[in-house]
N, C-alpha and C. Protein backbone atom coordinates (compact mmCIF):
# COMPACT_ATOMS: atom_id res chain seq x y z
N UNK A 1 -231.69 154.45 189.22
CA UNK A 1 -231.82 154.31 187.78
C UNK A 1 -230.67 153.45 187.27
N UNK A 2 -230.98 152.54 186.36
CA UNK A 2 -229.94 151.74 185.72
C UNK A 2 -229.70 152.32 184.33
N UNK A 3 -228.42 152.43 183.97
CA UNK A 3 -228.04 153.02 182.69
C UNK A 3 -227.00 152.15 182.00
N UNK A 4 -226.95 152.27 180.70
CA UNK A 4 -225.82 151.77 179.93
C UNK A 4 -225.01 152.98 179.51
N UNK A 5 -223.74 152.99 179.90
CA UNK A 5 -222.85 154.11 179.57
C UNK A 5 -221.96 153.67 178.42
N UNK A 6 -222.11 154.32 177.27
CA UNK A 6 -221.25 154.06 176.13
C UNK A 6 -219.91 154.69 176.42
N UNK A 7 -218.85 153.89 176.35
CA UNK A 7 -217.54 154.36 176.79
C UNK A 7 -216.49 154.28 175.70
N UNK A 8 -215.52 155.16 175.81
CA UNK A 8 -214.26 155.07 175.07
C UNK A 8 -213.19 155.10 176.15
N UNK A 9 -212.50 153.98 176.32
CA UNK A 9 -211.58 153.86 177.45
C UNK A 9 -212.39 153.90 178.73
N UNK A 10 -212.01 154.77 179.64
CA UNK A 10 -212.74 154.92 180.90
C UNK A 10 -213.68 156.11 180.90
N UNK A 11 -213.90 156.72 179.74
CA UNK A 11 -214.72 157.92 179.66
C UNK A 11 -216.08 157.59 179.03
N UNK A 12 -217.16 157.95 179.71
CA UNK A 12 -218.51 157.76 179.18
C UNK A 12 -218.79 158.85 178.16
N UNK A 13 -219.17 158.45 176.94
CA UNK A 13 -219.45 159.42 175.89
C UNK A 13 -220.94 159.61 175.67
N UNK A 14 -221.75 158.67 176.14
CA UNK A 14 -223.20 158.77 176.01
C UNK A 14 -223.80 157.84 177.05
N UNK A 15 -225.02 158.15 177.47
CA UNK A 15 -225.69 157.26 178.43
C UNK A 15 -227.12 157.01 178.00
N UNK A 16 -227.57 155.80 178.30
CA UNK A 16 -228.92 155.36 177.94
C UNK A 16 -229.60 154.83 179.19
N UNK A 17 -230.63 155.53 179.66
CA UNK A 17 -231.39 155.08 180.82
C UNK A 17 -232.29 153.92 180.41
N UNK A 18 -232.30 152.88 181.22
CA UNK A 18 -233.13 151.72 180.93
C UNK A 18 -234.47 151.91 181.62
N UNK A 19 -235.36 152.63 180.96
CA UNK A 19 -236.66 152.97 181.54
C UNK A 19 -237.76 152.02 181.10
N UNK A 20 -237.49 151.18 180.11
CA UNK A 20 -238.47 150.22 179.61
C UNK A 20 -238.10 148.82 180.10
N UNK A 21 -239.07 147.92 180.09
CA UNK A 21 -238.78 146.55 180.52
C UNK A 21 -237.97 145.79 179.47
N UNK A 22 -238.02 146.23 178.22
CA UNK A 22 -237.21 145.63 177.16
C UNK A 22 -236.58 146.74 176.33
N UNK A 23 -235.26 146.64 176.12
CA UNK A 23 -234.53 147.62 175.34
C UNK A 23 -233.77 146.87 174.25
N UNK A 24 -234.02 147.24 172.99
CA UNK A 24 -233.34 146.58 171.89
C UNK A 24 -232.13 147.41 171.46
N UNK A 25 -231.09 146.69 171.03
CA UNK A 25 -229.86 147.31 170.57
C UNK A 25 -229.53 146.73 169.19
N UNK A 26 -229.22 147.60 168.24
CA UNK A 26 -228.85 147.12 166.92
C UNK A 26 -228.61 148.25 165.95
N UNK A 27 -228.38 147.89 164.70
CA UNK A 27 -228.08 148.87 163.66
C UNK A 27 -229.34 149.48 163.05
N UNK A 28 -230.46 148.76 163.06
CA UNK A 28 -231.70 149.26 162.45
C UNK A 28 -232.28 150.41 163.25
N UNK A 29 -232.93 151.34 162.54
CA UNK A 29 -233.47 152.56 163.16
C UNK A 29 -234.58 152.29 164.16
N UNK A 30 -235.21 151.12 164.12
CA UNK A 30 -236.32 150.85 165.04
C UNK A 30 -235.86 150.31 166.40
N UNK A 31 -234.56 150.25 166.66
CA UNK A 31 -234.05 149.84 167.97
C UNK A 31 -234.10 151.00 168.95
N UNK A 32 -234.11 150.68 170.23
CA UNK A 32 -234.06 151.71 171.27
C UNK A 32 -232.68 152.36 171.33
N UNK A 33 -231.63 151.55 171.13
CA UNK A 33 -230.26 152.05 171.05
C UNK A 33 -229.73 151.65 169.68
N UNK A 34 -229.47 152.65 168.85
CA UNK A 34 -229.03 152.42 167.48
C UNK A 34 -227.52 152.64 167.40
N UNK A 35 -226.82 151.63 166.87
CA UNK A 35 -225.37 151.69 166.72
C UNK A 35 -225.03 151.66 165.23
N UNK A 36 -224.41 152.71 164.75
CA UNK A 36 -224.01 152.81 163.35
C UNK A 36 -222.65 152.14 163.18
N UNK A 37 -222.68 150.81 163.04
CA UNK A 37 -221.46 150.01 163.01
C UNK A 37 -221.74 148.78 162.15
N UNK A 38 -220.96 148.54 161.10
CA UNK A 38 -221.22 147.38 160.25
C UNK A 38 -221.02 146.04 160.96
N UNK A 39 -220.38 146.02 162.13
CA UNK A 39 -220.22 144.79 162.91
C UNK A 39 -221.45 144.47 163.76
N UNK A 40 -222.42 145.37 163.78
CA UNK A 40 -223.63 145.21 164.58
C UNK A 40 -224.76 144.75 163.66
N UNK A 41 -225.48 143.72 164.09
CA UNK A 41 -226.62 143.23 163.32
C UNK A 41 -227.79 144.20 163.42
N UNK A 42 -228.73 144.09 162.50
CA UNK A 42 -229.90 144.96 162.50
C UNK A 42 -230.62 144.96 163.83
N UNK A 43 -230.85 143.78 164.38
CA UNK A 43 -231.42 143.59 165.71
C UNK A 43 -230.46 142.66 166.43
N UNK A 44 -229.56 143.24 167.18
CA UNK A 44 -228.40 142.53 167.71
C UNK A 44 -228.65 141.91 169.09
N UNK A 45 -229.18 142.70 170.02
CA UNK A 45 -229.32 142.22 171.40
C UNK A 45 -230.54 142.86 172.07
N UNK A 46 -230.95 142.22 173.15
CA UNK A 46 -232.11 142.66 173.92
C UNK A 46 -231.74 142.67 175.39
N UNK A 47 -232.03 143.76 176.08
CA UNK A 47 -231.86 143.84 177.53
C UNK A 47 -233.26 143.79 178.13
N UNK A 48 -233.45 142.84 179.05
CA UNK A 48 -234.76 142.66 179.69
C UNK A 48 -234.60 142.94 181.18
N UNK A 49 -235.46 143.81 181.70
CA UNK A 49 -235.46 144.13 183.13
C UNK A 49 -236.44 143.22 183.84
N UNK A 50 -236.07 142.78 185.04
CA UNK A 50 -236.94 141.93 185.84
C UNK A 50 -238.14 142.71 186.35
N UNK A 51 -239.22 142.01 186.60
CA UNK A 51 -240.45 142.63 187.10
C UNK A 51 -240.23 143.24 188.47
N UNK A 52 -240.16 144.56 188.51
CA UNK A 52 -240.04 145.27 189.78
C UNK A 52 -238.70 145.10 190.47
N UNK A 53 -237.75 144.43 189.84
CA UNK A 53 -236.44 144.25 190.48
C UNK A 53 -235.39 145.00 189.68
N UNK A 54 -234.18 144.96 190.16
CA UNK A 54 -233.09 145.62 189.47
C UNK A 54 -232.30 144.61 188.63
N UNK A 55 -232.83 143.40 188.49
CA UNK A 55 -232.15 142.36 187.72
C UNK A 55 -232.29 142.63 186.23
N UNK A 56 -231.20 142.39 185.50
CA UNK A 56 -231.19 142.56 184.05
C UNK A 56 -230.72 141.26 183.41
N UNK A 57 -231.28 140.97 182.24
CA UNK A 57 -230.85 139.83 181.44
C UNK A 57 -230.53 140.34 180.05
N UNK A 58 -229.38 139.93 179.53
CA UNK A 58 -228.99 140.29 178.17
C UNK A 58 -229.15 139.07 177.28
N UNK A 59 -229.83 139.26 176.15
CA UNK A 59 -230.01 138.18 175.18
C UNK A 59 -229.42 138.61 173.84
N UNK A 60 -228.54 137.77 173.30
CA UNK A 60 -228.07 137.97 171.94
C UNK A 60 -229.18 137.48 171.01
N UNK A 61 -229.50 138.26 169.99
CA UNK A 61 -230.61 137.92 169.08
C UNK A 61 -230.08 137.24 167.82
N UNK A 62 -229.25 136.21 168.02
CA UNK A 62 -228.64 135.46 166.91
C UNK A 62 -227.86 136.38 165.98
N UNK A 63 -227.13 137.31 166.58
CA UNK A 63 -226.34 138.26 165.80
C UNK A 63 -225.22 137.55 165.06
N UNK A 64 -224.75 138.16 163.99
CA UNK A 64 -223.68 137.59 163.19
C UNK A 64 -222.35 137.57 163.94
N UNK A 65 -222.03 138.66 164.65
CA UNK A 65 -220.72 138.79 165.29
C UNK A 65 -220.72 138.58 166.79
N UNK A 66 -221.87 138.25 167.36
CA UNK A 66 -221.93 137.92 168.78
C UNK A 66 -221.97 139.11 169.71
N UNK A 67 -222.18 138.80 170.97
CA UNK A 67 -222.28 139.78 172.06
C UNK A 67 -221.38 139.28 173.18
N UNK A 68 -220.68 140.20 173.84
CA UNK A 68 -219.76 139.83 174.90
C UNK A 68 -220.05 140.59 176.19
N UNK A 69 -219.90 139.90 177.29
CA UNK A 69 -219.94 140.53 178.61
C UNK A 69 -218.60 140.22 179.27
N UNK A 70 -217.91 141.29 179.65
CA UNK A 70 -216.60 141.15 180.31
C UNK A 70 -215.67 140.26 179.48
N UNK A 71 -215.75 140.38 178.16
CA UNK A 71 -214.87 139.65 177.26
C UNK A 71 -215.32 138.25 176.89
N UNK A 72 -216.42 137.77 177.47
CA UNK A 72 -216.91 136.42 177.20
C UNK A 72 -218.10 136.44 176.27
N UNK A 73 -218.08 135.58 175.24
CA UNK A 73 -219.22 135.45 174.34
C UNK A 73 -220.41 134.91 175.11
N UNK A 74 -221.58 135.48 174.85
CA UNK A 74 -222.80 135.03 175.55
C UNK A 74 -223.95 134.89 174.56
N UNK A 75 -224.95 134.15 174.96
CA UNK A 75 -226.25 134.10 174.26
C UNK A 75 -227.31 134.70 175.17
N UNK A 76 -227.33 134.27 176.42
CA UNK A 76 -228.22 134.79 177.46
C UNK A 76 -227.39 134.88 178.73
N UNK A 77 -227.42 136.04 179.37
CA UNK A 77 -226.63 136.19 180.58
C UNK A 77 -227.17 137.33 181.43
N UNK A 78 -227.09 137.18 182.75
CA UNK A 78 -227.44 138.32 183.60
C UNK A 78 -226.44 139.45 183.42
N UNK A 79 -226.91 140.67 183.64
CA UNK A 79 -226.06 141.87 183.62
C UNK A 79 -226.11 142.48 185.00
N UNK A 80 -224.97 142.97 185.47
CA UNK A 80 -224.95 143.63 186.77
C UNK A 80 -224.07 144.87 186.71
N UNK A 81 -224.21 145.69 187.73
CA UNK A 81 -223.44 146.93 187.85
C UNK A 81 -221.95 146.64 187.60
N UNK A 82 -221.34 147.44 186.74
CA UNK A 82 -219.92 147.33 186.47
C UNK A 82 -219.56 146.45 185.29
N UNK A 83 -220.51 145.63 184.81
CA UNK A 83 -220.21 144.77 183.67
C UNK A 83 -219.90 145.59 182.42
N UNK A 84 -219.00 145.05 181.59
CA UNK A 84 -218.67 145.64 180.30
C UNK A 84 -219.39 144.83 179.23
N UNK A 85 -220.27 145.48 178.50
CA UNK A 85 -221.07 144.86 177.44
C UNK A 85 -220.51 145.33 176.10
N UNK A 86 -220.05 144.39 175.26
CA UNK A 86 -219.51 144.76 173.96
C UNK A 86 -220.41 144.26 172.85
N UNK A 87 -220.81 145.21 171.99
CA UNK A 87 -221.60 144.93 170.80
C UNK A 87 -220.88 145.64 169.65
N UNK A 88 -220.37 144.85 168.70
CA UNK A 88 -219.56 145.44 167.64
C UNK A 88 -218.36 146.13 168.25
N UNK A 89 -218.12 147.36 167.84
CA UNK A 89 -216.99 148.14 168.38
C UNK A 89 -217.37 148.92 169.63
N UNK A 90 -218.65 148.89 170.00
CA UNK A 90 -219.13 149.68 171.14
C UNK A 90 -219.01 148.89 172.44
N UNK A 91 -218.53 149.59 173.47
CA UNK A 91 -218.46 149.01 174.80
C UNK A 91 -219.27 149.88 175.75
N UNK A 92 -220.22 149.23 176.42
CA UNK A 92 -221.08 149.88 177.40
C UNK A 92 -220.70 149.38 178.79
N UNK A 93 -220.81 150.25 179.78
CA UNK A 93 -220.70 149.85 181.18
C UNK A 93 -222.08 149.93 181.80
N UNK A 94 -222.43 148.90 182.56
CA UNK A 94 -223.70 148.90 183.27
C UNK A 94 -223.51 149.72 184.54
N UNK A 95 -224.39 150.70 184.73
CA UNK A 95 -224.30 151.58 185.91
C UNK A 95 -225.64 151.57 186.62
N UNK A 96 -225.63 151.16 187.88
CA UNK A 96 -226.82 151.15 188.72
C UNK A 96 -226.57 152.14 189.86
N UNK A 97 -227.31 153.24 189.88
CA UNK A 97 -227.05 154.28 190.89
C UNK A 97 -227.40 153.85 192.31
N UNK A 98 -228.04 152.70 192.48
CA UNK A 98 -228.33 152.23 193.83
C UNK A 98 -227.23 151.33 194.38
N UNK A 99 -226.25 150.99 193.55
CA UNK A 99 -225.12 150.18 194.01
C UNK A 99 -224.06 151.13 194.53
N UNK A 100 -223.61 150.89 195.71
CA UNK A 100 -222.59 151.74 196.32
C UNK A 100 -221.26 151.01 196.26
N UNK A 101 -220.24 151.66 195.73
CA UNK A 101 -218.91 151.11 195.71
C UNK A 101 -218.29 151.38 197.07
N UNK A 102 -217.77 150.32 197.75
CA UNK A 102 -217.22 150.55 199.09
C UNK A 102 -215.96 151.41 199.03
N UNK A 103 -215.80 152.21 200.05
CA UNK A 103 -214.57 152.98 200.18
C UNK A 103 -213.49 152.09 200.77
N UNK A 104 -212.25 152.54 200.72
CA UNK A 104 -211.13 151.75 201.24
C UNK A 104 -211.36 151.41 202.71
N UNK A 105 -211.93 152.32 203.49
CA UNK A 105 -212.14 152.09 204.92
C UNK A 105 -213.22 151.04 205.19
N UNK A 106 -214.05 150.73 204.20
CA UNK A 106 -215.11 149.74 204.38
C UNK A 106 -214.68 148.33 203.98
N UNK A 107 -213.50 148.21 203.36
CA UNK A 107 -213.05 146.88 202.88
C UNK A 107 -212.36 146.14 203.99
């Protein structure tokens, strides 16, 4: 399962499973993930899952304040496990439970 983990520092405060092929993020109530933040546009961003794959694409929906991945402004960009997605004041971590982090002995 792929999730977006809403974080404060290194602590996940909420998680959103990406069970649909398209997930909208924004301030308006009709989004899949609603963020109550004046820095977030009504319809801010869209996460699109690849057909039958674990690939994700993030699209900024011409938001006023932009969307960032790992600190970089983006319009369209792939998302992968471990990426930090910032929308307004919210920072999400992409978590894919099928990705295994190597142990020290495997490096």
